[in-house]
Amino acid sequence: MRRKKRADGTADRRLIRPVAPVLALLPVLALSVGALPAAARSASHTATVPPAVAKAAAAGRPAARDEGQLLFTFKDPRIDESSGLAVSPTHDGIVYTHNDSGDSARFFAVGMDGKTRATFRLAGVTARDWEAMAASVDPATGKGVLWFADIGDNFDGAWPDVSVYKVAEPATMRSATLQATRYRFRYEGGARNAEGMMIHPKTGRLYIVSKEFSGSIFIAPKVLRTDRVNLLKRVGPAPIMATDAAYAPDGSSFVIRTYFSASLYRAPGDLITRLTMPPLKQAESIAYTRDGKALLTGSEGVKSPVYRVPLPAGAVSPSASATPAEAVDTPAGTAGAGDKGAVTASGGGPGNDDGGGIPFSMVALWVGTAVGAIGIIAAIAYRTAR
């Protein structure tokens, strides 16, 4: 078999192993398994947008549902793989989104009617695998800041480093080309595939959430450098196959989205509660509303929906906020730091937390499917090699 090349031009033996193609298939397997609980709730939930919701949307009004309310659907056909979502901190009624890999370095400003208000491009930037975005406010100027995470890595090491781009939020909703600052990162302990990024609104600290069976939350240095690669350090566990993350506007909590549900935390490892999410074709994005009282969550696909999911009353305690420094300084083995032994606020242990609320039987089915696929692909690869 011909040996593939790494992004840095050197040979990577891992990429020619028979099981390597399976890594790219795991998200697909996750979707097939993740669809089971949604289908079990109601036969009408098997569609990307249930008929009742679609009918209400066509009439120009959102429809209330147990898992949330349809806010809008993207009208722009160019938005075909919405992977990141952020609410504008300075423009009322505007959300930003960008596509997954395969698109150029651009993002869209979208109104609450789902129509694109403006399209912005990043000058001199190549979008390798954009997977997440976040919005924050510069405390010195009060102006908005947008962050774009080029952190997708389906081969867990195909790239020598990953990048995050920082952009001043546009002052007007007119299409333009923007200048961006690039920060490069590598993970402590080896490369990871990741799809979640969040910015602490009070400290400006950047976090990356990996997308793995046993995921992790990583924290960036307090001061980001442009002249060298910044090191991401692990500060806690993340649910299985996390697809996005976001901090609350007041910094009192953060949320991690998975294909199956969402989990609300006070700090890494300190779970507040799990949240039921609307059934989506491929859950990819999550963001807080500006007032912090609800979440917005979206999916991939042309004319994909964005739902508003209200947070349960009392789920977030303003006095229970934990800063990144507190999370990092927590000794290993206590809540908020270690892989094991942390008891969550909902009474579950780390195994429960890392599973993101997924029943063991479902995880077993997922793993069994993956193992079966590995066996089939390995057999085919072996025969081809001969």
Protein backbone atom coordinates (compact mmCIF):
# COMPACT_ATOMS: atom_id res chain seq x y z
CA MET A 1 0.00 0.00 0.00
CA ARG A 2 1.20 3.51 -0.77
CA ARG A 3 2.25 5.40 2.33
CA LYS A 4 0.38 8.66 2.90
CA LYS A 5 2.08 11.87 3.90
CA ARG A 6 1.54 13.90 7.03
CA ALA A 7 0.64 17.58 6.80
CA ASP A 8 4.28 18.44 7.47
CA GLY A 9 5.42 16.30 4.52
CA THR A 10 6.79 13.35 6.50
CA ALA A 11 5.51 9.80 6.29
CA ASP A 12 2.91 8.79 8.87
CA ARG A 13 2.62 5.05 9.29
CA ARG A 14 -0.55 5.34 11.32
CA LEU A 15 -2.45 6.65 8.33
CA ILE A 16 -1.89 3.45 6.38
CA ARG A 17 -3.04 1.09 9.08
CA PRO A 18 -6.21 -0.78 8.16
CA VAL A 19 -8.12 0.74 11.06
CA ALA A 20 -7.32 4.34 10.11
CA PRO A 21 -10.33 4.75 7.78
CA VAL A 22 -12.60 3.79 10.66
CA LEU A 23 -11.66 6.98 12.51
CA ALA A 24 -13.29 9.01 9.77
CA LEU A 25 -16.40 6.81 10.02
CA LEU A 26 -16.92 7.15 13.77
CA PRO A 27 -19.01 10.32 13.49
CA VAL A 28 -21.30 8.49 11.07
CA LEU A 29 -21.60 5.61 13.52
CA ALA A 30 -22.35 8.10 16.25
CA LEU A 31 -25.17 9.55 14.21
CA SER A 32 -26.78 6.17 13.63
CA VAL A 33 -26.69 5.34 17.31
CA GLY A 34 -27.53 8.85 18.48
CA ALA A 35 -30.71 8.80 16.41
CA LEU A 36 -32.13 5.95 18.48
CA PRO A 37 -33.26 7.89 21.57
CA ALA A 38 -34.80 10.62 19.43
CA ALA A 39 -36.73 8.08 17.40
CA ALA A 40 -37.92 6.35 20.55
CA ARG A 41 -39.47 9.55 21.89
CA SER A 42 -41.76 10.02 18.91
CA ALA A 43 -42.10 8.81 15.35
CA SER A 44 -42.45 12.42 14.23
CA HIS A 45 -38.98 13.19 15.60
CA THR A 46 -37.21 11.13 12.96
CA ALA A 47 -37.19 14.05 10.52
CA THR A 48 -34.68 16.86 10.77
CA VAL A 49 -37.58 19.26 11.36
CA PRO A 50 -40.78 17.58 12.60
CA PRO A 51 -43.91 18.23 10.48
CA ALA A 52 -45.61 20.39 13.14
CA VAL A 53 -42.52 22.55 13.45
CA ALA A 54 -42.07 22.79 9.68
CA LYS A 55 -45.72 23.83 9.29
CA ALA A 56 -45.33 26.55 11.91
CA ALA A 57 -42.11 27.78 10.33
CA ALA A 58 -43.80 27.98 6.92
CA ALA A 59 -46.52 30.11 8.52
CA GLY A 60 -43.85 32.46 9.85
CA ARG A 61 -44.06 31.49 13.50
CA PRO A 62 -41.93 29.18 15.67
CA ALA A 63 -43.51 26.10 17.25
CA ALA A 64 -42.99 25.23 20.91
CA ARG A 65 -41.64 21.76 21.63
CA ASP A 66 -40.57 19.85 24.70
CA GLU A 67 -36.90 20.13 23.77
CA GLY A 68 -37.09 23.76 22.66
CA GLN A 69 -38.48 26.09 20.05
CA LEU A 70 -37.61 26.40 16.39
CA LEU A 71 -36.04 29.84 16.06
CA PHE A 72 -35.35 29.83 12.32
CA THR A 73 -33.86 27.84 9.46
CA PHE A 74 -30.90 29.06 7.41
CA LYS A 75 -32.19 30.38 4.09
CA ASP A 76 -28.81 30.81 2.39
CA PRO A 77 -27.92 27.69 0.31
CA ARG A 78 -24.23 28.51 0.84
CA ILE A 79 -24.71 27.58 4.50
CA ASP A 80 -24.77 23.84 3.91
CA GLU A 81 -22.62 22.55 6.79
CA SER A 82 -23.16 24.95 9.67
CA SER A 83 -20.57 23.79 12.19
CA GLY A 84 -20.11 26.75 14.53
CA LEU A 85 -22.59 29.19 16.03
CA ALA A 86 -22.21 32.39 18.05
CA VAL A 87 -24.54 35.21 19.10
CA SER A 88 -23.30 38.69 18.28
CA PRO A 89 -22.34 40.53 21.48
CA THR A 90 -22.99 43.96 19.92
CA HIS A 91 -25.53 43.59 17.08
CA ASP A 92 -29.08 42.82 18.17
CA GLY A 93 -30.75 39.90 16.42
CA ILE A 94 -27.59 38.66 14.70
CA VAL A 95 -25.96 35.25 14.94
CA TYR A 96 -22.81 34.12 13.16
CA THR A 97 -22.09 30.75 11.60
CA HIS A 98 -19.52 29.11 9.35
CA ASN A 99 -19.31 25.90 7.35
CA ASP A 100 -17.33 22.77 8.10
CA SER A 101 -14.28 21.66 6.06
CA GLY A 102 -14.46 22.20 2.33
CA ASP A 103 -15.45 25.86 2.43
CA SER A 104 -13.25 28.93 2.24
CA ALA A 105 -12.31 31.07 5.25
CA ARG A 106 -15.62 32.88 5.50
CA PHE A 107 -18.51 33.29 7.90
CA PHE A 108 -22.06 34.53 7.71
CA ALA A 109 -24.06 37.06 9.72
CA VAL A 110 -27.65 35.82 9.91
CA GLY A 111 -30.81 37.49 11.21
CA MET A 112 -33.57 35.93 13.28
CA ASP A 113 -35.51 35.27 10.07
CA GLY A 114 -32.73 32.97 8.85
CA LYS A 115 -31.64 35.33 6.07
CA THR A 116 -27.99 36.22 5.58
CA ARG A 117 -27.23 39.87 6.33
CA ALA A 118 -23.57 39.84 5.32
CA THR A 119 -20.71 37.51 4.38
CA PHE A 120 -17.22 38.08 5.75
CA ARG A 121 -13.89 36.60 4.64
CA LEU A 122 -10.62 36.32 6.52
CA ALA A 123 -7.70 37.75 4.57
CA GLY A 124 -4.82 35.36 3.92
CA VAL A 125 -6.43 32.49 5.86
CA THR A 126 -6.98 28.91 4.70
CA ALA A 127 -9.87 27.06 6.29
CA ARG A 128 -8.51 23.55 6.78
CA ASP A 129 -11.24 22.15 9.04
CA TRP A 130 -13.18 24.87 10.86
CA GLU A 131 -15.25 23.23 13.59
CA ALA A 132 -16.26 25.91 16.10
CA MET A 133 -16.53 29.60 16.79
CA ALA A 134 -17.11 31.86 19.78
CA ALA A 135 -17.84 35.50 20.51
CA SER A 136 -16.51 37.66 23.33
CA VAL A 137 -16.20 41.30 24.29
CA ASP A 138 -12.90 43.15 24.63
CA PRO A 139 -13.06 44.57 28.20
CA ALA A 140 -10.79 47.46 27.24
CA THR A 141 -12.88 48.69 24.31
CA GLY A 142 -16.29 47.09 24.76
CA LYS A 143 -16.16 45.92 21.16
CA GLY A 144 -17.00 42.43 20.01
CA VAL A 145 -14.40 39.80 19.18
CA LEU A 146 -14.97 36.66 17.10
CA TRP A 147 -12.92 33.46 17.33
CA PHE A 148 -12.73 30.69 14.71
CA ALA A 149 -11.31 27.27 15.57
CA ASP A 150 -9.55 25.35 12.82
CA ILE A 151 -9.21 22.31 15.12
CA GLY A 152 -10.73 19.38 13.25
CA ASP A 153 -8.34 16.43 12.92
CA ASN A 154 -10.05 13.17 12.02
CA PHE A 155 -6.75 11.28 12.11
CA ASP A 156 -5.71 12.55 15.58
CA GLY A 157 -2.28 13.68 14.49
CA ALA A 158 -2.44 14.44 10.78
CA TRP A 159 -1.56 18.06 11.54
CA PRO A 160 1.51 19.18 13.51
CA ASP A 161 -0.61 21.86 15.17
CA VAL A 162 -4.07 23.45 15.04
CA SER A 163 -5.07 27.09 14.77
CA VAL A 164 -7.55 29.58 16.20
CA TYR A 165 -8.18 32.91 14.48
CA LYS A 166 -9.17 36.10 16.33
CA VAL A 167 -11.13 38.76 14.45
CA ALA A 168 -12.58 42.11 15.47
CA GLU A 169 -16.36 41.89 15.09
CA PRO A 170 -17.55 43.89 12.06
CA ALA A 171 -19.02 47.26 13.01
CA THR A 172 -21.62 47.10 10.23
CA MET A 173 -23.49 44.30 8.49
CA ARG A 174 -21.84 44.88 5.12
CA SER A 175 -19.90 42.09 3.42
CA ALA A 176 -16.15 42.64 3.74
CA THR A 177 -12.74 41.05 4.04
CA LEU A 178 -11.34 41.15 7.59
CA GLN A 179 -7.87 40.89 9.07
CA ALA A 180 -7.31 38.03 11.51
CA THR A 181 -4.72 37.14 14.14
CA ARG A 182 -3.63 33.51 14.10
CA TYR A 183 -2.74 31.51 17.21
CA ARG A 184 -1.25 28.03 16.82
CA PHE A 185 -1.76 25.28 19.39
CA ARG A 186 -0.64 21.77 20.27
CA TYR A 187 -2.02 19.48 22.96
CA GLU A 188 -0.19 18.32 26.03
CA GLY A 189 0.03 14.54 25.69
CA GLY A 190 -0.47 14.33 21.93
CA ALA A 191 -2.77 15.42 19.14
CA ARG A 192 -6.55 15.26 19.41
CA ASN A 193 -9.57 15.66 17.21
CA ALA A 194 -11.73 18.51 18.52
CA GLU A 195 -14.89 20.38 17.60
CA GLY A 196 -15.56 22.53 20.67
CA MET A 197 -14.13 25.92 21.64
CA MET A 198 -15.23 28.44 24.26
CA ILE A 199 -13.98 31.75 25.66
CA HIS A 200 -14.45 32.69 29.32
CA PRO A 201 -16.24 36.07 29.20
CA LYS A 202 -14.54 37.48 32.30
CA THR A 203 -10.96 36.33 31.87
CA GLY A 204 -10.77 35.85 28.11
CA ARG A 205 -9.26 32.38 28.64
CA LEU A 206 -9.63 30.02 25.68
CA TYR A 207 -10.71 26.38 26.02
CA ILE A 208 -10.77 23.52 23.52
CA VAL A 209 -13.00 20.45 24.00
CA SER A 210 -11.87 17.27 22.27
CA LYS A 211 -14.19 14.95 20.35
CA GLU A 212 -13.33 11.45 21.58
CA PHE A 213 -14.84 8.43 23.31
CA SER A 214 -13.12 9.71 26.45
CA GLY A 215 -13.04 13.43 25.76
CA SER A 216 -11.15 16.18 27.54
CA ILE A 217 -11.29 19.90 28.22
CA PHE A 218 -8.06 21.77 27.48
CA ILE A 219 -7.10 25.26 28.59
CA ALA A 220 -4.87 27.67 26.69
CA PRO A 221 -2.20 29.90 28.27
CA LYS A 222 -3.34 33.16 29.84
CA VAL A 223 -1.36 35.10 27.26
CA LEU A 224 -1.53 33.78 23.71
CA ARG A 225 1.59 34.06 21.58
CA THR A 226 1.69 34.53 17.82
CA ASP A 227 5.42 33.86 17.50
CA ARG A 228 5.30 30.26 18.72
CA VAL A 229 2.97 27.32 19.26
CA ASN A 230 0.85 27.61 22.42
CA LEU A 231 0.43 24.56 24.67
CA LEU A 232 -3.06 23.33 25.60
CA LYS A 233 -3.23 21.64 29.02
CA ARG A 234 -5.92 19.20 30.12
CA VAL A 235 -8.12 20.42 32.98
CA GLY A 236 -11.01 17.96 33.02
CA PRO A 237 -13.16 15.34 31.28
CA ALA A 238 -15.69 15.95 28.53
CA PRO A 239 -18.71 13.92 27.41
CA ILE A 240 -18.38 11.31 24.68
CA MET A 241 -18.02 12.76 21.16
CA ALA A 242 -18.45 16.45 22.01
CA THR A 243 -19.36 18.56 18.97
CA ASP A 244 -19.34 22.08 20.48
CA ALA A 245 -19.10 24.11 23.68
CA ALA A 246 -19.87 27.60 24.95
CA TYR A 247 -19.52 29.75 28.05
CA ALA A 248 -22.46 31.59 29.64
CA PRO A 249 -22.28 35.39 29.23
CA ASP A 250 -21.63 35.88 32.97
CA GLY A 251 -19.05 33.10 33.17
CA SER A 252 -21.07 31.18 35.78
CA SER A 253 -21.39 28.03 33.68
CA PHE A 254 -20.56 26.43 30.37
CA VAL A 255 -22.26 23.89 28.17
CA ILE A 256 -20.88 21.02 26.08
CA ARG A 257 -22.94 19.67 23.18
CA THR A 258 -22.77 16.10 21.91
CA TYR A 259 -24.61 14.24 19.18
CA PHE A 260 -27.05 13.07 21.85
CA SER A 261 -27.64 15.82 24.41
CA ALA A 262 -25.95 18.68 26.24
CA SER A 263 -24.29 18.95 29.66
CA LEU A 264 -24.16 22.07 31.82
CA TYR A 265 -21.11 22.62 34.08
CA ARG A 266 -19.95 25.07 36.76
CA ALA A 267 -16.33 24.11 36.11
CA PRO A 268 -14.51 21.23 34.42
CA GLY A 269 -15.77 18.04 36.09
CA ASP A 270 -18.47 19.88 38.09
CA LEU A 271 -21.71 18.92 36.36
CA ILE A 272 -24.86 20.96 37.08
CA THR A 273 -27.35 19.05 34.95
CA ARG A 274 -27.92 17.40 31.59
CA LEU A 275 -30.24 18.98 29.09
CA THR A 276 -32.57 17.38 26.57
CA MET A 277 -31.91 18.73 23.11
CA PRO A 278 -34.17 18.77 20.04
CA PRO A 279 -33.61 15.82 17.69
CA LEU A 280 -31.38 17.00 14.87
CA LYS A 281 -29.98 15.30 11.79
CA GLN A 282 -26.44 16.05 12.92
CA ALA A 283 -26.07 18.16 16.06
CA GLU A 284 -23.03 20.36 15.55
CA SER A 285 -23.30 23.69 17.32
CA ILE A 286 -24.37 25.38 20.54
CA ALA A 287 -24.29 28.92 21.97
CA TYR A 288 -25.84 30.92 24.80
CA THR A 289 -28.32 33.70 24.13
CA ARG A 290 -27.03 37.12 25.11
CA ASP A 291 -29.09 37.17 28.31
CA GLY A 292 -27.81 33.72 29.32
CA LYS A 293 -31.32 32.33 29.84
CA ALA A 294 -31.35 29.92 26.91
CA LEU A 295 -29.21 28.01 24.44
CA LEU A 296 -29.19 28.01 20.67
CA THR A 297 -28.33 24.75 18.94
CA GLY A 298 -28.00 23.90 15.26
CA SER A 299 -27.31 21.18 12.75
CA GLU A 300 -25.56 20.64 9.44
CA GLY A 301 -27.32 20.56 6.08
CA VAL A 302 -28.95 22.98 3.66
CA LYS A 303 -31.79 24.91 5.33
CA SER A 304 -30.78 23.42 8.67
CA PRO A 305 -32.74 24.55 11.76
CA VAL A 306 -31.61 26.52 14.79
CA TYR A 307 -33.52 25.88 18.02
CA ARG A 308 -33.83 27.95 21.19
CA VAL A 309 -33.69 25.76 24.31
CA PRO A 310 -34.53 27.54 27.60
CA LEU A 311 -32.34 26.69 30.59
CA PRO A 312 -34.17 25.18 33.57
CA ALA A 313 -34.91 27.57 36.42
CA GLY A 314 -32.20 27.49 39.08
CA ALA A 315 -29.81 25.48 36.91
CA VAL A 316 -27.12 28.14 37.18
CA SER A 317 -26.09 29.78 40.44
CA PRO A 318 -24.34 33.12 39.85
CA SER A 319 -22.38 32.64 43.07
CA ALA A 320 -21.05 29.27 41.92
CA SER A 321 -18.80 30.58 39.17
CA ALA A 322 -15.35 29.05 38.93
CA THR A 323 -12.57 30.84 37.09
CA PRO A 324 -10.10 29.02 34.85
CA ALA A 325 -7.37 29.53 37.48
CA GLU A 326 -9.48 27.74 40.08
CA ALA A 327 -10.08 24.90 37.66
CA VAL A 328 -6.39 24.54 36.89
CA ASP A 329 -5.26 24.81 40.50
CA THR A 330 -7.66 22.12 41.75
CA PRO A 331 -5.55 19.12 42.87
CA ALA A 332 -5.75 16.01 40.72
CA GLY A 333 -8.32 13.53 41.94
CA THR A 334 -10.80 16.15 43.16
CA ALA A 335 -13.85 17.48 41.38
CA GLY A 336 -12.85 19.57 38.39
CA ALA A 337 -9.43 18.08 37.76
CA GLY A 338 -8.92 14.35 37.50
CA ASP A 339 -10.25 11.68 35.20
CA LYS A 340 -11.63 9.66 38.07
CA GLY A 341 -13.15 10.23 41.46
CA ALA A 342 -14.96 13.50 40.72
CA VAL A 343 -18.57 13.44 41.86
CA THR A 344 -20.86 15.65 39.78
CA ALA A 345 -23.54 17.98 41.05
CA SER A 346 -26.24 15.64 39.76
CA GLY A 347 -24.93 12.80 41.86
CA GLY A 348 -23.18 10.91 39.09
CA GLY A 349 -19.57 9.86 38.99
CA PRO A 350 -17.03 10.38 36.24
CA GLY A 351 -18.20 7.43 34.21
CA ASN A 352 -21.64 8.93 34.09
CA ASP A 353 -20.28 12.34 33.27
CA ASP A 354 -17.96 11.20 30.52
CA GLY A 355 -20.77 9.28 28.90
CA GLY A 356 -22.81 12.42 28.47
CA GLY A 357 -25.92 10.69 29.76
CA ILE A 358 -25.79 7.85 27.25
CA PRO A 359 -27.15 4.49 28.45
CA PHE A 360 -24.54 1.75 28.69
CA SER A 361 -26.49 -0.42 26.26
CA MET A 362 -26.30 2.32 23.63
CA VAL A 363 -22.58 2.82 24.14
CA ALA A 364 -22.11 -0.96 23.87
CA LEU A 365 -24.07 -1.00 20.62
CA TRP A 366 -21.98 1.85 19.27
CA VAL A 367 -18.72 0.20 20.23
CA GLY A 368 -19.91 -3.12 18.81
CA THR A 369 -20.76 -1.46 15.51
CA ALA A 370 -17.35 0.21 15.39
CA VAL A 371 -15.55 -3.05 16.16
CA GLY A 372 -17.48 -4.82 13.44
CA ALA A 373 -16.61 -2.10 10.95
CA ILE A 374 -12.95 -2.31 11.93
CA GLY A 375 -12.96 -6.05 11.34
CA ILE A 376 -14.52 -5.73 7.90
CA ILE A 377 -12.21 -2.94 6.78
CA ALA A 378 -9.14 -4.73 8.18
CA ALA A 379 -10.06 -7.88 6.23
CA ILE A 380 -10.52 -5.90 3.02
CA ALA A 381 -7.24 -4.03 3.57
CA TYR A 382 -5.39 -7.30 4.24
CA ARG A 383 -6.69 -8.91 1.06
CA THR A 384 -5.87 -5.79 -0.95
CA ALA A 385 -2.34 -5.67 0.47
CA ARG A 386 -1.76 -9.26 -0.62
